[in-house]
Amino acid sequence: MNDTERIGLKFVSLVNILEKLRGEKGCPWDKEQDEKSIANYFLEEVYEAIDALQEGDTVALAEELGDVLLEVIFLARIFEEKKQFDISHVLDGIINKMIRRHPHVFGKETAETTREVKRKWNDMKRTEKKRESVLDGLTSQAPALLEAVQIGRRVSSCGFDWEKQSEVLQKIKEEIDEMEKALISGNKNEIEKEMGDLLFSTVNLARHLDANPELILRKMNKKFIRRFQYIEKEAEKSGRNIHQMSLQEMDKLWEEAKGME
């Protein structure tokens, strides 16, 4: 038995486990779940997998990817019970899509660059889904940062984009100048508009760097939490509450935490 066959048997085993858990003599908790509850767990598991990936914890990542796969099969099982589709339909769909959208690999077409591949992929996707606009079909449930990335990618595929990273950086500097003017004016609506422009331009710089701003911000949040908790611990060691510390004292401890990294 080769590796592919072994993987196939394990996949079938997991499908059978879900069938049993949802069966007449299965688990009460598993039988109570529906697509809405599993959607929440699905999202949680994806974020936990991303955390493990960012931290470079391959043991945790392998476990979290298993949890993600479980939720995929769980959702497929729920809809199979509704007689709408099953995991086989899911697999057929993605297999056919990957072959269809890679005619330069599985067919006779050619694509020499990544840019050309992306353009053809987006053209096929828009035709298949009968979209009139390049921006039709954006993920409505996506975080705003991710949606901004998707918008940038879509319009970039038809040439509406900066050519160089330095050009995006210059745009950010322009937006900062506009933000300063808005702050001076004190006009709340104008300030919010300029903040939106600044955030959108920053997201586009991340896209040009092939970086995900959502993941970058998550890393920043963790770094901030880690450094601030260091300040709290040091305050506790000195017998004080953090609210009793001056800003200068906290800044000094912040720099200590930063230096330790």
C-alpha atoms as a PDB file:
ATOM      1  CA  MET A   1       0.000   0.000   0.000  1.00  0.00           C
ATOM      2  CA  ASN A   2       1.457   3.383  -1.021  1.00  0.00           C
ATOM      3  CA  ASP A   3       1.178   6.701   0.825  1.00  0.00           C
ATOM      4  CA  THR A   4      -1.762   7.899  -1.283  1.00  0.00           C
ATOM      5  CA  GLU A   5      -3.748   4.768  -0.473  1.00  0.00           C
ATOM      6  CA  ARG A   6      -2.973   5.073   3.239  1.00  0.00           C
ATOM      7  CA  ILE A   7      -4.095   8.708   3.263  1.00  0.00           C
ATOM      8  CA  GLY A   8      -7.268   7.737   1.444  1.00  0.00           C
ATOM      9  CA  LEU A   9      -8.100   5.073   4.031  1.00  0.00           C
ATOM     10  CA  LYS A  10      -7.524   7.518   6.896  1.00  0.00           C
ATOM     11  CA  PHE A  11      -9.754  10.086   5.210  1.00  0.00           C
ATOM     12  CA  VAL A  12     -12.526   7.499   4.809  1.00  0.00           C
ATOM     13  CA  SER A  13     -12.061   6.516   8.466  1.00  0.00           C
ATOM     14  CA  LEU A  14     -12.595  10.139   9.560  1.00  0.00           C
ATOM     15  CA  VAL A  15     -15.724  10.391   7.407  1.00  0.00           C
ATOM     16  CA  ASN A  16     -17.036   7.197   9.035  1.00  0.00           C
ATOM     17  CA  ILE A  17     -16.287   8.571  12.511  1.00  0.00           C
ATOM     18  CA  LEU A  18     -18.405  11.664  11.787  1.00  0.00           C
ATOM     19  CA  GLU A  19     -21.196   9.459  10.464  1.00  0.00           C
ATOM     20  CA  LYS A  20     -21.154   7.442  13.694  1.00  0.00           C
ATOM     21  CA  LEU A  21     -20.980  10.517  15.930  1.00  0.00           C
ATOM     22  CA  ARG A  22     -24.052  11.927  14.187  1.00  0.00           C
ATOM     23  CA  GLY A  23     -25.834   8.548  14.092  1.00  0.00           C
ATOM     24  CA  GLU A  24     -28.649   7.203  16.255  1.00  0.00           C
ATOM     25  CA  LYS A  25     -26.253   5.861  18.896  1.00  0.00           C
ATOM     26  CA  GLY A  26     -23.765   8.677  18.495  1.00  0.00           C
ATOM     27  CA  CYS A  27     -22.666  11.568  20.704  1.00  0.00           C
ATOM     28  CA  PRO A  28     -25.464  13.857  22.039  1.00  0.00           C
ATOM     29  CA  TRP A  29     -23.297  16.972  21.563  1.00  0.00           C
ATOM     30  CA  ASP A  30     -22.306  16.110  17.992  1.00  0.00           C
ATOM     31  CA  LYS A  31     -25.901  15.332  17.063  1.00  0.00           C
ATOM     32  CA  GLU A  32     -27.071  18.726  18.349  1.00  0.00           C
ATOM     33  CA  GLN A  33     -24.708  20.717  16.111  1.00  0.00           C
ATOM     34  CA  ASP A  34     -25.879  22.469  12.957  1.00  0.00           C
ATOM     35  CA  GLU A  35     -24.191  24.432  10.184  1.00  0.00           C
ATOM     36  CA  LYS A  36     -24.281  27.692  12.167  1.00  0.00           C
ATOM     37  CA  SER A  37     -22.607  26.291  15.274  1.00  0.00           C
ATOM     38  CA  ILE A  38     -19.987  24.412  13.251  1.00  0.00           C
ATOM     39  CA  ALA A  39     -19.249  27.555  11.217  1.00  0.00           C
ATOM     40  CA  ASN A  40     -18.173  29.250  14.461  1.00  0.00           C
ATOM     41  CA  TYR A  41     -15.929  26.323  15.455  1.00  0.00           C
ATOM     42  CA  PHE A  42     -14.564  26.204  11.897  1.00  0.00           C
ATOM     43  CA  LEU A  43     -13.464  29.839  12.101  1.00  0.00           C
ATOM     44  CA  GLU A  44     -11.886  29.306  15.534  1.00  0.00           C
ATOM     45  CA  GLU A  45      -9.916  26.301  14.296  1.00  0.00           C
ATOM     46  CA  VAL A  46      -8.637  28.217  11.258  1.00  0.00           C
ATOM     47  CA  TYR A  47      -7.331  31.021  13.483  1.00  0.00           C
ATOM     48  CA  GLU A  48      -5.702  28.506  15.834  1.00  0.00           C
ATOM     49  CA  ALA A  49      -3.997  26.877  12.852  1.00  0.00           C
ATOM     50  CA  ILE A  50      -2.747  30.291  11.719  1.00  0.00           C
ATOM     51  CA  ASP A  51      -1.392  30.980  15.217  1.00  0.00           C
ATOM     52  CA  ALA A  52       0.540  27.701  15.183  1.00  0.00           C
ATOM     53  CA  LEU A  53       1.845  28.472  11.690  1.00  0.00           C
ATOM     54  CA  GLN A  54       3.060  31.931  12.686  1.00  0.00           C
ATOM     55  CA  GLU A  55       4.718  30.606  15.831  1.00  0.00           C
ATOM     56  CA  GLY A  56       6.507  27.904  13.850  1.00  0.00           C
ATOM     57  CA  ASP A  57       5.039  25.188  16.083  1.00  0.00           C
ATOM     58  CA  THR A  58       4.798  22.304  13.611  1.00  0.00           C
ATOM     59  CA  VAL A  59       3.451  19.856  16.211  1.00  0.00           C
ATOM     60  CA  ALA A  60       0.580  22.216  17.056  1.00  0.00           C
ATOM     61  CA  LEU A  61       0.071  23.039  13.373  1.00  0.00           C
ATOM     62  CA  ALA A  62      -0.395  19.376  12.459  1.00  0.00           C
ATOM     63  CA  GLU A  63      -2.999  19.068  15.212  1.00  0.00           C
ATOM     64  CA  GLU A  64      -4.815  22.267  14.255  1.00  0.00           C
ATOM     65  CA  LEU A  65      -4.926  21.323  10.572  1.00  0.00           C
ATOM     66  CA  GLY A  66      -6.583  18.092  11.683  1.00  0.00           C
ATOM     67  CA  ASP A  67      -9.181  20.133  13.564  1.00  0.00           C
ATOM     68  CA  VAL A  68      -9.818  22.268  10.475  1.00  0.00           C
ATOM     69  CA  LEU A  69     -10.244  19.140   8.345  1.00  0.00           C
ATOM     70  CA  LEU A  70     -12.657  17.731  10.911  1.00  0.00           C
ATOM     71  CA  GLU A  71     -14.869  20.819  10.673  1.00  0.00           C
ATOM     72  CA  VAL A  72     -14.883  20.584   6.861  1.00  0.00           C
ATOM     73  CA  ILE A  73     -16.077  16.984   7.013  1.00  0.00           C
ATOM     74  CA  PHE A  74     -18.530  17.853   9.800  1.00  0.00           C
ATOM     75  CA  LEU A  75     -20.164  20.539   7.635  1.00  0.00           C
ATOM     76  CA  ALA A  76     -20.291  18.189   4.652  1.00  0.00           C
ATOM     77  CA  ARG A  77     -21.955  15.553   6.849  1.00  0.00           C
ATOM     78  CA  ILE A  78     -24.621  18.022   8.014  1.00  0.00           C
ATOM     79  CA  PHE A  79     -25.534  18.886   4.429  1.00  0.00           C
ATOM     80  CA  GLU A  80     -25.463  15.228   3.411  1.00  0.00           C
ATOM     81  CA  GLU A  81     -28.138  14.599   6.044  1.00  0.00           C
ATOM     82  CA  LYS A  82     -30.147  17.377   4.395  1.00  0.00           C
ATOM     83  CA  LYS A  83     -29.677  15.541   1.071  1.00  0.00           C
ATOM     84  CA  GLN A  84     -28.026  18.600  -0.512  1.00  0.00           C
ATOM     85  CA  PHE A  85     -24.424  17.400  -1.041  1.00  0.00           C
ATOM     86  CA  ASP A  86     -21.820  15.172   0.574  1.00  0.00           C
ATOM     87  CA  ILE A  87     -18.036  15.123   0.973  1.00  0.00           C
ATOM     88  CA  SER A  88     -17.699  13.351  -2.377  1.00  0.00           C
ATOM     89  CA  HIS A  89     -19.337  16.327  -4.113  1.00  0.00           C
ATOM     90  CA  VAL A  90     -16.934  18.649  -2.269  1.00  0.00           C
ATOM     91  CA  LEU A  91     -13.913  16.656  -3.446  1.00  0.00           C
ATOM     92  CA  ASP A  92     -15.206  16.371  -7.018  1.00  0.00           C
ATOM     93  CA  GLY A  93     -15.755  20.122  -7.101  1.00  0.00           C
ATOM     94  CA  ILE A  94     -12.286  21.109  -5.972  1.00  0.00           C
ATOM     95  CA  ILE A  95     -10.541  18.456  -8.099  1.00  0.00           C
ATOM     96  CA  ASN A  96     -12.369  19.575 -11.245  1.00  0.00           C
ATOM     97  CA  LYS A  97     -11.772  23.247 -10.428  1.00  0.00           C
ATOM     98  CA  MET A  98      -8.020  22.807  -9.963  1.00  0.00           C
ATOM     99  CA  ILE A  99      -7.695  20.936 -13.249  1.00  0.00           C
ATOM    100  CA  ARG A 100      -9.957  23.361 -15.115  1.00  0.00           C
ATOM    101  CA  ARG A 101      -8.186  26.463 -13.838  1.00  0.00           C
ATOM    102  CA  HIS A 102      -4.699  25.134 -14.601  1.00  0.00           C
ATOM    103  CA  PRO A 103      -4.937  24.538 -18.360  1.00  0.00           C
ATOM    104  CA  HIS A 104      -1.227  25.431 -18.583  1.00  0.00           C
ATOM    105  CA  VAL A 105      -0.503  22.346 -16.451  1.00  0.00           C
ATOM    106  CA  PHE A 106      -3.273  19.887 -17.308  1.00  0.00           C
ATOM    107  CA  GLY A 107      -4.091  21.171 -20.793  1.00  0.00           C
ATOM    108  CA  LYS A 108      -2.420  22.634 -23.853  1.00  0.00           C
ATOM    109  CA  GLU A 109      -2.322  26.313 -22.856  1.00  0.00           C
ATOM    110  CA  THR A 110       0.802  28.105 -21.650  1.00  0.00           C
ATOM    111  CA  ALA A 111       1.478  30.599 -18.872  1.00  0.00           C
ATOM    112  CA  GLU A 112       5.029  31.819 -18.364  1.00  0.00           C
ATOM    113  CA  THR A 113       4.594  34.119 -15.360  1.00  0.00           C
ATOM    114  CA  THR A 114       2.722  34.191 -12.056  1.00  0.00           C
ATOM    115  CA  ARG A 115       0.983  37.395 -13.168  1.00  0.00           C
ATOM    116  CA  GLU A 116      -0.327  35.648 -16.271  1.00  0.00           C
ATOM    117  CA  VAL A 117      -1.536  32.684 -14.208  1.00  0.00           C
ATOM    118  CA  LYS A 118      -3.417  34.996 -11.829  1.00  0.00           C
ATOM    119  CA  ARG A 119      -4.995  36.916 -14.687  1.00  0.00           C
ATOM    120  CA  LYS A 120      -6.227  33.760 -16.395  1.00  0.00           C
ATOM    121  CA  TRP A 121      -7.478  32.330 -13.074  1.00  0.00           C
ATOM    122  CA  ASN A 122      -9.497  35.488 -12.365  1.00  0.00           C
ATOM    123  CA  ASP A 123     -10.851  35.602 -15.922  1.00  0.00           C
ATOM    124  CA  MET A 124     -12.039  31.992 -15.675  1.00  0.00           C
ATOM    125  CA  LYS A 125     -13.513  32.577 -12.228  1.00  0.00           C
ATOM    126  CA  ARG A 126     -15.438  35.627 -13.394  1.00  0.00           C
ATOM    127  CA  THR A 127     -16.775  33.756 -16.440  1.00  0.00           C
ATOM    128  CA  GLU A 128     -17.771  30.679 -14.417  1.00  0.00           C
ATOM    129  CA  LYS A 129     -19.578  32.723 -11.776  1.00  0.00           C
ATOM    130  CA  LYS A 130     -21.092  35.072 -14.398  1.00  0.00           C
ATOM    131  CA  ARG A 131     -19.799  38.201 -12.708  1.00  0.00           C
ATOM    132  CA  GLU A 132     -20.250  41.522 -14.480  1.00  0.00           C
ATOM    133  CA  SER A 133     -17.794  43.499 -12.369  1.00  0.00           C
ATOM    134  CA  VAL A 134     -14.239  42.629 -11.365  1.00  0.00           C
ATOM    135  CA  LEU A 135     -15.343  43.406  -7.805  1.00  0.00           C
ATOM    136  CA  ASP A 136     -18.468  41.228  -7.773  1.00  0.00           C
ATOM    137  CA  GLY A 137     -18.464  38.328  -5.303  1.00  0.00           C
ATOM    138  CA  LEU A 138     -16.190  39.754  -2.619  1.00  0.00           C
ATOM    139  CA  THR A 139     -16.324  37.768   0.624  1.00  0.00           C
ATOM    140  CA  SER A 140     -18.946  39.582   2.715  1.00  0.00           C
ATOM    141  CA  GLN A 141     -17.892  37.872   5.977  1.00  0.00           C
ATOM    142  CA  ALA A 142     -14.187  38.634   5.612  1.00  0.00           C
ATOM    143  CA  PRO A 143     -12.452  41.056   8.013  1.00  0.00           C
ATOM    144  CA  ALA A 144     -12.120  44.543   6.525  1.00  0.00           C
ATOM    145  CA  LEU A 145      -8.342  44.198   6.136  1.00  0.00           C
ATOM    146  CA  LEU A 146      -8.735  40.995   4.129  1.00  0.00           C
ATOM    147  CA  GLU A 147     -11.486  42.537   2.015  1.00  0.00           C
ATOM    148  CA  ALA A 148      -9.168  45.446   1.193  1.00  0.00           C
ATOM    149  CA  VAL A 149      -6.514  42.934   0.067  1.00  0.00           C
ATOM    150  CA  GLN A 150      -9.054  41.166  -2.124  1.00  0.00           C
ATOM    151  CA  ILE A 151     -10.107  44.458  -3.710  1.00  0.00           C
ATOM    152  CA  GLY A 152      -6.485  45.309  -4.441  1.00  0.00           C
ATOM    153  CA  ARG A 153      -5.832  41.911  -5.990  1.00  0.00           C
ATOM    154  CA  ARG A 154      -8.923  42.089  -8.168  1.00  0.00           C
ATOM    155  CA  VAL A 155      -8.203  45.496  -9.662  1.00  0.00           C
ATOM    156  CA  SER A 156      -4.504  44.697  -9.985  1.00  0.00           C
ATOM    157  CA  SER A 157      -5.390  41.766 -12.258  1.00  0.00           C
ATOM    158  CA  CYS A 158      -6.631  44.250 -14.866  1.00  0.00           C
ATOM    159  CA  GLY A 159      -3.678  46.623 -14.506  1.00  0.00           C
ATOM    160  CA  PHE A 160      -5.136  49.141 -12.029  1.00  0.00           C
ATOM    161  CA  ASP A 161      -2.231  49.158  -9.570  1.00  0.00           C
ATOM    162  CA  TRP A 162       1.079  50.743  -8.662  1.00  0.00           C
ATOM    163  CA  GLU A 163       4.070  49.239 -10.429  1.00  0.00           C
ATOM    164  CA  LYS A 164       6.581  49.656  -7.599  1.00  0.00           C
ATOM    165  CA  GLN A 165       6.507  49.308  -3.812  1.00  0.00           C
ATOM    166  CA  SER A 166       8.087  52.752  -3.556  1.00  0.00           C
ATOM    167  CA  GLU A 167       5.050  54.230  -5.323  1.00  0.00           C
ATOM    168  CA  VAL A 168       2.716  52.729  -2.714  1.00  0.00           C
ATOM    169  CA  LEU A 169       4.937  54.077   0.063  1.00  0.00           C
ATOM    170  CA  GLN A 170       4.763  57.538  -1.516  1.00  0.00           C
ATOM    171  CA  LYS A 171       0.969  57.252  -1.575  1.00  0.00           C
ATOM    172  CA  ILE A 172       1.006  56.465   2.158  1.00  0.00           C
ATOM    173  CA  LYS A 173       3.097  59.588   2.804  1.00  0.00           C
ATOM    174  CA  GLU A 174       0.556  61.637   0.833  1.00  0.00           C
ATOM    175  CA  GLU A 175      -2.265  60.162   2.893  1.00  0.00           C
ATOM    176  CA  ILE A 176      -0.416  61.026   6.126  1.00  0.00           C
ATOM    177  CA  ASP A 177      -0.187  64.644   4.958  1.00  0.00           C
ATOM    178  CA  GLU A 178      -3.930  64.610   4.238  1.00  0.00           C
ATOM    179  CA  MET A 179      -4.537  63.085   7.668  1.00  0.00           C
ATOM    180  CA  GLU A 180      -2.587  65.882   9.365  1.00  0.00           C
ATOM    181  CA  LYS A 181      -4.684  68.501   7.548  1.00  0.00           C
ATOM    182  CA  ALA A 182      -7.890  66.730   8.569  1.00  0.00           C
ATOM    183  CA  LEU A 183      -6.776  66.650  12.217  1.00  0.00           C
ATOM    184  CA  ILE A 184      -6.050  70.372  12.105  1.00  0.00           C
ATOM    185  CA  SER A 185      -9.521  71.015  10.670  1.00  0.00           C
ATOM    186  CA  GLY A 186     -11.154  69.045  13.476  1.00  0.00           C
ATOM    187  CA  ASN A 187     -13.816  67.780  11.058  1.00  0.00           C
ATOM    188  CA  LYS A 188     -14.718  64.282  12.310  1.00  0.00           C
ATOM    189  CA  ASN A 189     -16.102  63.080   8.967  1.00  0.00           C
ATOM    190  CA  GLU A 190     -13.011  64.296   7.136  1.00  0.00           C
ATOM    191  CA  ILE A 191     -10.733  62.667   9.727  1.00  0.00           C
ATOM    192  CA  GLU A 192     -12.510  59.301   9.326  1.00  0.00           C
ATOM    193  CA  LYS A 193     -12.319  59.554   5.540  1.00  0.00           C
ATOM    194  CA  GLU A 194      -8.593  60.262   5.589  1.00  0.00           C
ATOM    195  CA  MET A 195      -8.015  57.492   8.139  1.00  0.00           C
ATOM    196  CA  GLY A 196      -9.777  55.114   5.755  1.00  0.00           C
ATOM    197  CA  ASP A 197      -7.576  56.252   2.868  1.00  0.00           C
ATOM    198  CA  LEU A 198      -4.465  55.782   5.009  1.00  0.00           C
ATOM    199  CA  LEU A 199      -5.478  52.288   6.142  1.00  0.00           C
ATOM    200  CA  PHE A 200      -6.385  51.228   2.596  1.00  0.00           C
ATOM    201  CA  SER A 201      -3.054  52.462   1.225  1.00  0.00           C
ATOM    202  CA  THR A 202      -1.169  50.665   4.017  1.00  0.00           C
ATOM    203  CA  VAL A 203      -3.001  47.436   3.184  1.00  0.00           C
ATOM    204  CA  ASN A 204      -1.952  47.823  -0.432  1.00  0.00           C
ATOM    205  CA  LEU A 205       1.679  48.162   0.601  1.00  0.00           C
ATOM    206  CA  ALA A 206       1.337  44.875   2.504  1.00  0.00           C
ATOM    207  CA  ARG A 207      -0.143  43.299  -0.629  1.00  0.00           C
ATOM    208  CA  HIS A 208       2.786  44.521  -2.715  1.00  0.00           C
ATOM    209  CA  LEU A 209       5.098  42.930  -0.149  1.00  0.00           C
ATOM    210  CA  ASP A 210       3.183  39.637  -0.498  1.00  0.00           C
ATOM    211  CA  ALA A 211       2.222  39.968   3.176  1.00  0.00           C
ATOM    212  CA  ASN A 212      -1.188  39.533   4.788  1.00  0.00           C
ATOM    213  CA  PRO A 213      -2.078  42.668   6.818  1.00  0.00           C
ATOM    214  CA  GLU A 214      -4.534  40.675   8.943  1.00  0.00           C
ATOM    215  CA  LEU A 215      -1.748  38.338  10.064  1.00  0.00           C
ATOM    216  CA  ILE A 216       0.709  41.217  10.472  1.00  0.00           C
ATOM    217  CA  LEU A 217      -1.710  43.031  12.777  1.00  0.00           C
ATOM    218  CA  ARG A 218      -2.354  39.853  14.766  1.00  0.00           C
ATOM    219  CA  LYS A 219       1.421  39.542  15.305  1.00  0.00           C
ATOM    220  CA  MET A 220       1.559  43.182  16.387  1.00  0.00           C
ATOM    221  CA  ASN A 221      -1.299  42.647  18.849  1.00  0.00           C
ATOM    222  CA  LYS A 222       0.514  39.694  20.421  1.00  0.00           C
ATOM    223  CA  LYS A 223       3.751  41.675  20.640  1.00  0.00           C
ATOM    224  CA  PHE A 224       1.973  44.571  22.335  1.00  0.00           C
ATOM    225  CA  ILE A 225       0.254  42.225  24.811  1.00  0.00           C
ATOM    226  CA  ARG A 226       3.572  40.532  25.626  1.00  0.00           C
ATOM    227  CA  ARG A 227       5.361  43.839  26.286  1.00  0.00           C
ATOM    228  CA  PHE A 228       2.539  45.375  28.286  1.00  0.00           C
ATOM    229  CA  GLN A 229       2.219  42.275  30.461  1.00  0.00           C
ATOM    230  CA  TYR A 230       5.940  42.619  31.192  1.00  0.00           C
ATOM    231  CA  ILE A 231       5.229  46.120  32.517  1.00  0.00           C
ATOM    232  CA  GLU A 232       2.421  44.733  34.688  1.00  0.00           C
ATOM    233  CA  LYS A 233       4.680  42.028  36.137  1.00  0.00           C
ATOM    234  CA  GLU A 234       7.452  44.499  36.887  1.00  0.00           C
ATOM    235  CA  ALA A 235       4.969  46.807  38.610  1.00  0.00           C
ATOM    236  CA  GLU A 236       3.802  43.887  40.723  1.00  0.00           C
ATOM    237  CA  LYS A 237       7.395  43.038  41.653  1.00  0.00           C
ATOM    238  CA  SER A 238       7.863  46.597  42.974  1.00  0.00           C
ATOM    239  CA  GLY A 239       4.736  46.221  45.114  1.00  0.00           C
ATOM    240  CA  ARG A 240       2.682  48.638  43.052  1.00  0.00           C
ATOM    241  CA  ASN A 241      -0.354  48.587  40.800  1.00  0.00           C
ATOM    242  CA  ILE A 242       0.294  49.557  37.188  1.00  0.00           C
ATOM    243  CA  HIS A 243      -2.149  52.448  37.613  1.00  0.00           C
ATOM    244  CA  GLN A 244       0.274  53.912  40.158  1.00  0.00           C
ATOM    245  CA  MET A 245       3.124  54.097  37.645  1.00  0.00           C
ATOM    246  CA  SER A 246       3.990  57.176  35.633  1.00  0.00           C
ATOM    247  CA  LEU A 247       4.081  57.137  31.852  1.00  0.00           C
ATOM    248  CA  GLN A 248       7.852  57.613  31.984  1.00  0.00           C
ATOM    249  CA  GLU A 249       8.239  54.516  34.179  1.00  0.00           C
ATOM    250  CA  MET A 250       6.061  52.448  31.874  1.00  0.00           C
ATOM    251  CA  ASP A 251       7.970  53.675  28.813  1.00  0.00           C
ATOM    252  CA  LYS A 252      11.247  52.604  30.428  1.00  0.00           C
ATOM    253  CA  LEU A 253       9.898  49.108  31.140  1.00  0.00           C
ATOM    254  CA  TRP A 254       8.470  48.946  27.613  1.00  0.00           C
ATOM    255  CA  GLU A 255      11.946  49.558  26.208  1.00  0.00           C
ATOM    256  CA  GLU A 256      13.307  46.858  28.534  1.00  0.00           C
ATOM    257  CA  ALA A 257      10.755  44.366  27.195  1.00  0.00           C
ATOM    258  CA  LYS A 258      11.592  45.448  23.656  1.00  0.00           C
ATOM    259  CA  GLY A 259      15.308  44.936  24.285  1.00  0.00           C
ATOM    260  CA  MET A 260      14.728  41.454  25.677  1.00  0.00           C
ATOM    261  CA  GLU A 261      13.146  40.440  22.364  1.00  0.00           C
END
